[in-house]
Amino acid sequence: MRINAYNAISQIYQSNKPSGTKSTSKSAAATDRVQISSIGREYQVAKQSVAQSSDIREDQVALMKQKYQGKVDVDVDRFADVLLAKYQGL
């Protein structure tokens, strides 16, 4: 009968259940620790410094604008030839 099959399966699942967890005493419980190496700390400091700094050096941009204002004349044909030659060599 199907009821017997159900009871048999139910008994199998009941026998596979864990009986419970064992508690450990507080003195025997271990705590997790994380230790960061000196290289890891240096990397973290460097990463924070880079994140806080600007991607654009405003002082250099202002200097270049002042130095080359109105003086830049780009030959677009020569620029295109140089660009193509560089990427064809790859």
Protein backbone atom coordinates (compact mmCIF):
# COMPACT_ATOMS: atom_id res chain seq x y z
CA MET A 1 0.00 0.00 0.00
CA ARG A 2 1.00 3.57 -0.48
CA ILE A 3 0.57 4.43 3.19
CA ASN A 4 3.17 1.84 4.12
CA ALA A 5 5.57 3.28 1.54
CA TYR A 6 4.99 6.75 2.96
CA ASN A 7 5.63 5.50 6.49
CA ALA A 8 8.85 3.79 5.37
CA ILE A 9 10.11 6.95 3.69
CA SER A 10 9.11 9.03 6.68
CA GLN A 11 11.10 6.74 8.97
CA ILE A 12 14.16 7.05 6.73
CA TYR A 13 14.01 10.85 6.86
CA GLN A 14 13.43 10.79 10.62
CA SER A 15 16.53 8.65 11.17
CA ASN A 16 18.71 11.00 9.08
CA LYS A 17 17.88 14.12 11.10
CA PRO A 18 20.62 15.37 13.35
CA SER A 19 19.93 14.79 17.00
CA GLY A 20 20.95 18.34 17.88
CA THR A 21 24.05 20.38 18.27
CA LYS A 22 26.49 19.99 21.05
CA SER A 23 27.24 23.10 22.99
CA THR A 24 30.80 23.92 23.84
CA SER A 25 31.92 25.48 27.02
CA LYS A 26 32.88 29.13 26.85
CA SER A 27 36.44 28.42 27.86
CA ALA A 28 36.94 25.95 25.02
CA ALA A 29 35.32 28.11 22.33
CA ALA A 30 37.81 29.45 19.81
CA THR A 31 37.62 32.93 18.40
CA ASP A 32 38.42 33.88 14.82
CA ARG A 33 41.28 36.26 14.18
CA VAL A 34 42.45 38.15 11.15
CA GLN A 35 46.04 39.27 10.81
CA ILE A 36 47.07 41.54 7.98
CA SER A 37 50.70 41.40 6.92
CA SER A 38 52.82 44.52 6.71
CA ILE A 39 52.68 44.33 2.91
CA GLY A 40 48.89 44.14 3.10
CA ARG A 41 48.77 47.20 5.36
CA GLU A 42 51.06 49.14 3.01
CA TYR A 43 48.87 48.14 0.07
CA GLN A 44 45.77 49.29 1.94
CA VAL A 45 47.33 52.69 2.74
CA ALA A 46 48.45 53.13 -0.87
CA LYS A 47 45.00 52.19 -2.17
CA GLN A 48 43.34 54.71 0.15
CA SER A 49 45.78 57.44 -0.94
CA VAL A 50 45.08 56.79 -4.61
CA ALA A 51 41.33 56.79 -3.99
CA GLN A 52 41.56 60.18 -2.26
CA SER A 53 43.74 61.82 -4.92
CA SER A 54 42.43 63.49 -8.04
CA ASP A 55 42.80 61.82 -11.43
CA ILE A 56 43.67 65.17 -13.02
CA ARG A 57 46.56 67.32 -11.90
CA GLU A 58 44.93 70.74 -12.16
CA ASP A 59 48.22 72.61 -11.70
CA GLN A 60 49.80 70.81 -14.68
CA VAL A 61 46.73 71.34 -16.84
CA ALA A 62 46.74 75.07 -16.11
CA LEU A 63 50.47 75.27 -16.90
CA MET A 64 50.04 73.49 -20.23
CA LYS A 65 47.05 75.63 -21.18
CA GLN A 66 49.03 78.77 -20.47
CA LYS A 67 52.15 77.52 -22.26
CA TYR A 68 50.46 76.27 -25.44
CA GLN A 69 47.46 78.57 -25.74
CA GLY A 70 46.94 79.29 -29.44
CA LYS A 71 50.26 77.68 -30.41
CA VAL A 72 49.18 74.13 -31.12
CA ASP A 73 48.78 73.38 -34.81
CA VAL A 74 48.14 69.72 -35.52
CA ASP A 75 48.50 68.36 -39.05
CA VAL A 76 45.62 65.88 -39.01
CA ASP A 77 46.88 63.95 -42.06
CA ARG A 78 50.30 63.39 -40.48
CA PHE A 79 48.67 62.48 -37.17
CA ALA A 80 46.45 59.91 -38.90
CA ASP A 81 49.45 58.42 -40.75
CA VAL A 82 51.45 58.07 -37.54
CA LEU A 83 48.48 56.58 -35.73
CA LEU A 84 47.83 54.01 -38.47
CA ALA A 85 51.50 53.09 -38.69
CA LYS A 86 51.60 52.48 -34.94
CA TYR A 87 48.54 50.25 -34.87
CA GLN A 88 49.41 48.32 -38.02
CA GLY A 89 52.71 47.34 -36.40
CA LEU A 90 50.90 45.65 -33.53
